[in-house]
Amino acid sequence: MGNDEAEAQFHVLAVDDSFVDRKLIERLLKNSSYQVTTVDSGSKALELLGLKDEQKDPPSTSSPDQQEIEVNLIITDYCMPGMTGYDLLKKIKGSSVLKDIPVVIMSSENVPSRINRCLEGGAEEFFLKPVKLSDMNKLKPHLLKGKCKDHHQQQQKQKQKQKQQKQQKQQQQLQQERNSNVNSSSSNNSSSNTNK
């Protein structure tokens, strides 16, 4: 049970224009104890992640929604109308906010040049459809790697914050010492002036 609870914390975004394939991948992921969100297009995936097309939407409308949900992995179909899985991959890897999210591409077509292009473009895996339960087991190392990166980044931010707080405290102490030195020297001057 403890193992299932650990896996349930992983959230996978599944992107496929085919209703049947979306339901299949959703069932496989849920059977593997992952939290799943499904969408039917690359543009909906980007919208869900808070990364809208800035040419269509001004940045002010897209920034408040920035990464509304936390996703640990994206699994997307390659062949979709409008935005292909490869296009989605490039958008995600080109985003400073989303680039560390692992992306897995799936396709019913075994085209080596397409597979290589996706892997070279930053995809972690390329699955051939129909996706099987054994494929779901291949996701775990990528999910863990993503979690480790998140944890490491949080630790780095925490260390940076502590360092800044320490520097601020030291500056405050220095300022207090300067103020007390100025006060003591001016009181010494005034007492020496009264003695004259």
Foldseek 3Di string as FASTA:
>chain_A
DVVLVVQQVAEEEEEALDPVLQVVVCVLCVVVNYHYDYDHDLQVVCVCQLNHDCVVPPPVVSVVCHGVDDHQAYEYEQDDPPAGLLNSLLSQCPDPRRNLRAYEYEYQDDDPVVQVSSVVSRHPYYYHPPDDSVVVVVCVVSSVVSVVVVVVVVVVVVVVVVVVVVVVVVVVVVVVVVVVVVVVVVVVVVVVVVVD
